[in-house]
Amino acid sequence: MIRKFLFLTTFIAFIGCKPQPSQLQLPNIISSGMVLQQHSKVSLWGKARPNSEVSISTSWGAFGVAMVASDSSWIVKLDTPKAGDSQQITLVNDDSTLVLSNVLMGEVWLCSGQSNMEMPLAGWPPTDTINNSVAEFAAANYPSIRLFTVARNFSSEKVNDVTGTWLTCTPENAARFSATSYFFGRKLYKEINVPIGLINSSWGGTPAESWITGEALLADVDYKSEVAKLKELAPQAKAYKEWLASHNHFVTKVDSLGNDPIVGHSFLMRCVRQIWTTARGGLFKFLATSNRLTWVLLMG
């Protein structure tokens, strides 16, 4: 019995002393296939086990070491070479190793705006189309142009990651990418002949204020109360996102005739009729403040 007890105690002690997983993580925008700004000092960041060490080595000879903070975050800056062949980055932390391959050095551009920047090369048929779009994306074979689309998201707090993937510019990928960004990147590539990285972060109809941090907006007294409200709502927004993430998701698409796969024929017309029926006994008013527009329905 004593032997069994000693064995069990030793076994538990051994398990308790076993090193924890390093949990080395990178944001989606730092991955294989990305483009880094040439001749620059770029930041790489991520998460790992607190108080551990992350070492980074590269095929072009740059090296860096970062200590992981108590909140699991780390960041390191590396010098990048001029544009040329594809490179590799190796990150090591405890028992984990991540290797990023097919990394290009070149010119990286953030493309942002409203719907005119968001509109893909394939357009939004049948009403919003782009001239010669089929021929344009059919010819979009540029292995040295890389595309990254930031998925729509909102947050009342700062975030260190986005949803998206680096893609090579092919006809299929270009068709779904921002048309304005693509034409700009293609022109730049043909003129300077170096790899181009295009990051599209656009959201149709968004006002300029929604892209500015709360700290920056506080410089204008007109926004102090709104920033305060956002801070108050932050816990609720976090709870809502957690609740949303716990449910199954599926994507539906209205066809060219306006038919919705769930509600049936002419989803758009059903919405218009419902709004009109609801509004007949009331009054629509516009409230305009700076460049923001709010619809208010006063029921009669």
Protein backbone atom coordinates (compact mmCIF):
# COMPACT_ATOMS: atom_id res chain seq x y z
CA MET A 1 0.00 0.00 0.00
CA ILE A 2 2.85 2.34 0.90
CA ARG A 3 4.59 1.55 -2.40
CA LYS A 4 1.41 2.34 -4.33
CA PHE A 5 1.04 5.61 -2.47
CA LEU A 6 4.64 6.60 -3.17
CA PHE A 7 4.25 5.71 -6.83
CA LEU A 8 1.06 7.76 -7.11
CA THR A 9 2.68 10.73 -5.37
CA THR A 10 5.70 10.54 -7.66
CA PHE A 11 3.46 10.23 -10.73
CA ILE A 12 1.41 13.31 -9.73
CA ALA A 13 4.58 15.28 -9.03
CA PHE A 14 5.94 14.28 -12.44
CA ILE A 15 2.75 15.40 -14.18
CA GLY A 16 2.74 18.66 -12.24
CA CYS A 17 6.31 19.42 -13.32
CA LYS A 18 5.64 18.67 -16.98
CA PRO A 19 6.31 21.81 -19.11
CA GLN A 20 3.18 23.51 -20.33
CA PRO A 21 2.59 23.90 -24.10
CA SER A 22 4.21 27.03 -25.47
CA GLN A 23 1.00 28.19 -27.18
CA LEU A 24 3.00 30.08 -29.80
CA GLN A 25 0.53 31.97 -31.97
CA LEU A 26 0.69 34.53 -34.77
CA PRO A 27 -2.01 36.87 -36.08
CA ASN A 28 -3.50 35.94 -39.45
CA ILE A 29 -1.76 38.78 -41.24
CA ILE A 30 1.65 37.32 -40.31
CA SER A 31 1.77 34.06 -42.23
CA SER A 32 3.30 32.20 -45.13
CA GLY A 33 2.74 33.94 -48.46
CA MET A 34 2.76 37.44 -46.98
CA VAL A 35 4.64 40.48 -48.28
CA LEU A 36 6.84 42.54 -45.95
CA GLN A 37 7.93 46.11 -46.65
CA GLN A 38 11.39 46.08 -48.20
CA HIS A 39 14.29 48.10 -46.76
CA SER A 40 12.43 48.68 -43.53
CA LYS A 41 12.10 47.68 -39.88
CA VAL A 42 8.96 45.59 -39.58
CA SER A 43 7.15 44.32 -36.51
CA LEU A 44 6.28 40.69 -35.88
CA TRP A 45 4.03 39.94 -32.92
CA GLY A 46 1.90 37.25 -31.38
CA LYS A 47 1.20 35.26 -28.25
CA ALA A 48 3.05 32.58 -26.32
CA ARG A 49 3.46 31.26 -22.78
CA PRO A 50 4.04 34.15 -20.35
CA ASN A 51 7.64 34.79 -19.29
CA SER A 52 9.05 32.54 -22.02
CA GLU A 53 11.29 33.55 -24.92
CA VAL A 54 10.55 33.73 -28.64
CA SER A 55 13.52 33.65 -31.00
CA ILE A 56 13.19 34.57 -34.67
CA SER A 57 15.64 33.77 -37.45
CA THR A 58 15.33 34.53 -41.14
CA SER A 59 16.79 33.28 -44.40
CA TRP A 60 18.17 36.79 -45.11
CA GLY A 61 20.20 36.83 -41.88
CA ALA A 62 18.09 39.01 -39.57
CA PHE A 63 17.63 37.71 -36.04
CA GLY A 64 15.56 38.78 -33.05
CA VAL A 65 14.55 37.70 -29.56
CA ALA A 66 11.44 38.72 -27.64
CA MET A 67 10.44 38.09 -24.03
CA VAL A 68 6.79 37.17 -23.60
CA ALA A 69 4.90 39.50 -21.25
CA SER A 70 2.59 38.38 -18.46
CA ASP A 71 -0.42 38.90 -20.76
CA SER A 72 1.07 36.39 -23.28
CA SER A 73 1.97 39.11 -25.82
CA TRP A 74 5.31 39.61 -27.52
CA ILE A 75 6.68 41.78 -30.30
CA VAL A 76 9.99 42.06 -32.14
CA LYS A 77 11.29 44.30 -34.93
CA LEU A 78 13.36 42.98 -37.82
CA ASP A 79 15.28 44.69 -40.61
CA THR A 80 14.16 43.60 -44.07
CA PRO A 81 16.26 43.38 -47.27
CA LYS A 82 15.47 44.73 -50.70
CA ALA A 83 12.94 42.99 -52.90
CA GLY A 84 14.08 39.69 -54.34
CA ASP A 85 13.55 35.96 -54.02
CA SER A 86 11.07 34.46 -51.56
CA GLN A 87 12.29 34.19 -47.97
CA GLN A 88 11.64 32.11 -44.87
CA ILE A 89 11.08 33.05 -41.22
CA THR A 90 11.48 30.59 -38.33
CA LEU A 91 10.02 31.25 -34.89
CA VAL A 92 10.94 29.10 -31.88
CA ASN A 93 9.37 29.12 -28.41
CA ASP A 94 9.94 26.31 -25.89
CA ASP A 95 8.79 23.14 -27.65
CA SER A 96 7.09 24.90 -30.60
CA THR A 97 8.47 25.94 -33.97
CA LEU A 98 6.63 27.88 -36.66
CA VAL A 99 8.06 28.27 -40.16
CA LEU A 100 6.73 30.94 -42.52
CA SER A 101 7.62 30.22 -46.14
CA ASN A 102 7.20 31.96 -49.48
CA VAL A 103 7.55 35.38 -47.83
CA LEU A 104 8.23 38.22 -50.28
CA MET A 105 9.87 41.60 -49.78
CA GLY A 106 8.32 44.48 -51.68
CA GLU A 107 5.86 47.35 -51.34
CA VAL A 108 2.94 46.91 -48.95
CA TRP A 109 -0.17 49.11 -49.15
CA LEU A 110 -3.24 49.37 -46.93
CA CYS A 111 -6.31 50.08 -49.07
CA SER A 112 -9.31 51.32 -47.12
CA GLY A 113 -12.55 53.15 -47.71
CA GLN A 114 -16.25 52.70 -48.33
CA SER A 115 -18.10 50.72 -51.01
CA ASN A 116 -16.09 52.18 -53.89
CA MET A 117 -12.98 50.57 -52.38
CA GLU A 118 -14.80 47.47 -51.18
CA MET A 119 -16.37 46.56 -54.54
CA PRO A 120 -14.70 43.40 -55.91
CA LEU A 121 -13.28 43.02 -59.40
CA ALA A 122 -16.24 40.77 -60.28
CA GLY A 123 -18.56 43.60 -59.25
CA TRP A 124 -21.91 43.22 -57.53
CA PRO A 125 -24.12 42.03 -60.39
CA PRO A 126 -26.65 42.59 -61.74
CA THR A 127 -26.83 46.26 -60.73
CA ASP A 128 -23.23 47.16 -59.87
CA THR A 129 -20.76 45.92 -62.43
CA ILE A 130 -17.28 46.81 -63.67
CA ASN A 131 -16.40 47.32 -67.32
CA ASN A 132 -14.68 44.29 -68.84
CA SER A 133 -14.49 42.64 -65.41
CA VAL A 134 -14.54 39.08 -66.77
CA ALA A 135 -11.60 39.75 -69.07
CA GLU A 136 -9.78 41.65 -66.31
CA PHE A 137 -9.86 38.96 -63.64
CA ALA A 138 -9.32 36.21 -66.23
CA ALA A 139 -5.93 37.83 -66.94
CA ALA A 140 -5.06 38.43 -63.27
CA ASN A 141 -2.13 36.04 -63.01
CA TYR A 142 0.52 37.80 -60.93
CA PRO A 143 2.36 35.48 -58.49
CA SER A 144 4.28 38.44 -57.05
CA ILE A 145 1.11 40.32 -56.11
CA ARG A 146 -0.41 39.11 -52.84
CA LEU A 147 -3.91 39.94 -51.61
CA PHE A 148 -5.27 40.13 -48.06
CA THR A 149 -8.89 41.07 -47.35
CA VAL A 150 -9.74 42.01 -43.76
CA ALA A 151 -13.14 40.54 -42.88
CA ARG A 152 -15.73 42.98 -41.56
CA ASN A 153 -15.65 43.28 -37.79
CA PHE A 154 -16.26 45.86 -35.11
CA SER A 155 -14.86 46.20 -31.63
CA SER A 156 -15.18 48.68 -28.80
CA GLU A 157 -11.65 47.75 -27.74
CA LYS A 158 -8.32 47.46 -29.53
CA VAL A 159 -7.59 44.08 -31.13
CA ASN A 160 -4.31 42.49 -32.20
CA ASP A 161 -5.68 40.21 -34.92
CA VAL A 162 -8.06 40.22 -37.86
CA THR A 163 -9.75 37.54 -39.94
CA GLY A 164 -8.20 37.06 -43.36
CA THR A 165 -5.69 35.08 -45.43
CA TRP A 166 -2.82 36.05 -47.72
CA LEU A 167 -3.65 34.87 -51.25
CA THR A 168 -1.66 34.87 -54.48
CA CYS A 169 -3.17 37.01 -57.23
CA THR A 170 -4.94 34.51 -59.49
CA PRO A 171 -8.10 34.97 -61.57
CA GLU A 172 -10.21 33.31 -58.87
CA ASN A 173 -8.73 35.32 -55.99
CA ALA A 174 -8.65 38.62 -57.89
CA ALA A 175 -12.35 38.33 -58.80
CA ARG A 176 -13.26 38.51 -55.10
CA PHE A 177 -10.73 41.21 -54.23
CA SER A 178 -11.18 44.98 -54.22
CA ALA A 179 -11.18 46.21 -57.84
CA THR A 180 -9.69 49.61 -56.99
CA SER A 181 -6.93 47.98 -54.93
CA TYR A 182 -6.19 45.46 -57.67
CA PHE A 183 -5.88 48.02 -60.47
CA PHE A 184 -3.63 50.18 -58.28
CA GLY A 185 -1.43 47.24 -57.31
CA ARG A 186 -1.16 45.96 -60.87
CA LYS A 187 -0.13 49.38 -62.19
CA LEU A 188 2.45 49.73 -59.42
CA TYR A 189 3.85 46.25 -60.08
CA LYS A 190 4.24 46.92 -63.80
CA GLU A 191 6.00 50.22 -63.13
CA ILE A 192 8.48 49.25 -60.38
CA ASN A 193 8.65 45.45 -60.92
CA VAL A 194 8.80 44.42 -57.26
CA PRO A 195 6.37 42.25 -55.23
CA ILE A 196 3.24 44.08 -54.10
CA GLY A 197 1.23 43.35 -50.96
CA LEU A 198 -2.33 44.73 -50.92
CA ILE A 199 -4.33 44.77 -47.67
CA ASN A 200 -7.96 45.67 -48.25
CA SER A 201 -9.86 46.82 -45.16
CA SER A 202 -13.08 48.48 -46.37
CA TRP A 203 -16.68 48.76 -45.24
CA GLY A 204 -19.32 50.43 -47.38
CA GLY A 205 -21.13 53.37 -45.82
CA THR A 206 -18.90 53.72 -42.78
CA PRO A 207 -18.14 57.27 -41.58
CA ALA A 208 -14.58 58.38 -40.97
CA GLU A 209 -15.18 58.43 -37.20
CA SER A 210 -15.71 54.67 -37.09
CA TRP A 211 -12.10 54.11 -38.21
CA ILE A 212 -10.60 56.35 -35.53
CA THR A 213 -9.66 55.23 -32.02
CA GLY A 214 -11.58 56.49 -29.04
CA GLU A 215 -8.46 58.19 -27.73
CA ALA A 216 -8.11 60.21 -30.93
CA LEU A 217 -11.81 61.14 -30.97
CA LEU A 218 -11.52 62.55 -27.44
CA ALA A 219 -9.57 65.45 -28.95
CA ASP A 220 -12.95 66.71 -30.20
CA VAL A 221 -15.39 67.66 -27.41
CA ASP A 222 -18.33 66.65 -29.60
CA TYR A 223 -17.35 62.99 -29.27
CA LYS A 224 -16.57 62.74 -25.56
CA SER A 225 -20.04 61.53 -24.59
CA GLU A 226 -20.11 59.00 -27.45
CA VAL A 227 -16.71 57.57 -26.52
CA ALA A 228 -17.86 57.27 -22.91
CA LYS A 229 -20.96 55.35 -24.03
CA LEU A 230 -18.82 52.97 -26.10
CA LYS A 231 -16.65 52.22 -23.07
CA GLU A 232 -19.76 51.49 -21.02
CA LEU A 233 -21.05 49.15 -23.71
CA ALA A 234 -17.72 47.29 -24.10
CA PRO A 235 -18.65 44.42 -21.69
CA GLN A 236 -22.01 43.95 -23.44
CA ALA A 237 -20.34 43.94 -26.86
CA LYS A 238 -17.89 41.29 -25.67
CA ALA A 239 -20.71 39.16 -24.26
CA TYR A 240 -22.65 39.50 -27.52
CA LYS A 241 -19.68 38.34 -29.61
CA GLU A 242 -19.16 35.36 -27.31
CA TRP A 243 -22.84 34.47 -27.57
CA LEU A 244 -22.72 34.83 -31.36
CA ALA A 245 -19.62 32.63 -31.60
CA SER A 246 -21.36 29.88 -29.62
CA HIS A 247 -24.02 29.45 -32.34
CA ASN A 248 -23.80 27.80 -35.75
CA HIS A 249 -23.38 30.12 -38.72
CA PHE A 250 -24.34 29.79 -42.35
CA VAL A 251 -24.19 32.17 -45.28
CA THR A 252 -27.07 32.87 -47.63
CA LYS A 253 -26.94 34.74 -50.90
CA VAL A 254 -29.73 36.58 -52.67
CA ASP A 255 -29.71 35.74 -56.38
CA SER A 256 -29.78 38.20 -59.28
CA LEU A 257 -33.60 38.33 -59.19
CA GLY A 258 -33.72 39.21 -55.51
CA ASN A 259 -34.83 35.75 -54.39
CA ASP A 260 -33.67 34.81 -50.90
CA PRO A 261 -33.05 31.09 -50.16
CA ILE A 262 -34.83 31.39 -46.80
CA VAL A 263 -37.75 33.82 -47.16
CA GLY A 264 -38.38 33.10 -50.81
CA HIS A 265 -39.30 35.33 -53.74
CA SER A 266 -38.04 38.90 -53.94
CA PHE A 267 -36.61 39.36 -50.46
CA LEU A 268 -35.79 43.00 -51.21
CA MET A 269 -39.36 43.80 -52.25
CA ARG A 270 -40.71 42.12 -49.12
CA CYS A 271 -38.48 44.38 -47.03
CA VAL A 272 -39.59 47.50 -48.91
CA ARG A 273 -43.27 46.59 -48.47
CA GLN A 274 -42.77 45.95 -44.75
CA ILE A 275 -41.00 49.27 -44.22
CA TRP A 276 -43.68 51.14 -46.16
CA THR A 277 -46.49 49.43 -44.25
CA THR A 278 -44.85 50.26 -40.94
CA ALA A 279 -44.07 53.84 -41.91
CA ARG A 280 -47.42 54.84 -43.35
CA GLY A 281 -48.75 55.87 -39.96
CA GLY A 282 -45.60 57.66 -38.97
CA LEU A 283 -42.97 60.06 -40.18
CA PHE A 284 -39.38 59.65 -41.32
CA LYS A 285 -36.92 62.27 -40.28
CA PHE A 286 -33.29 62.77 -41.09
CA LEU A 287 -30.93 63.78 -38.35
CA ALA A 288 -27.57 64.87 -39.73
CA THR A 289 -24.57 65.53 -37.51
CA SER A 290 -21.23 66.19 -39.21
CA ASN A 291 -21.08 63.47 -41.88
CA ARG A 292 -23.26 60.97 -40.05
CA LEU A 293 -26.85 60.22 -41.02
CA THR A 294 -29.40 58.69 -38.69
CA TRP A 295 -32.86 57.46 -39.64
CA VAL A 296 -35.52 57.96 -37.02
CA LEU A 297 -39.01 56.52 -37.38
CA LEU A 298 -41.61 58.35 -35.31
CA MET A 299 -44.61 56.11 -35.08
CA GLY A 300 -48.02 57.78 -35.38
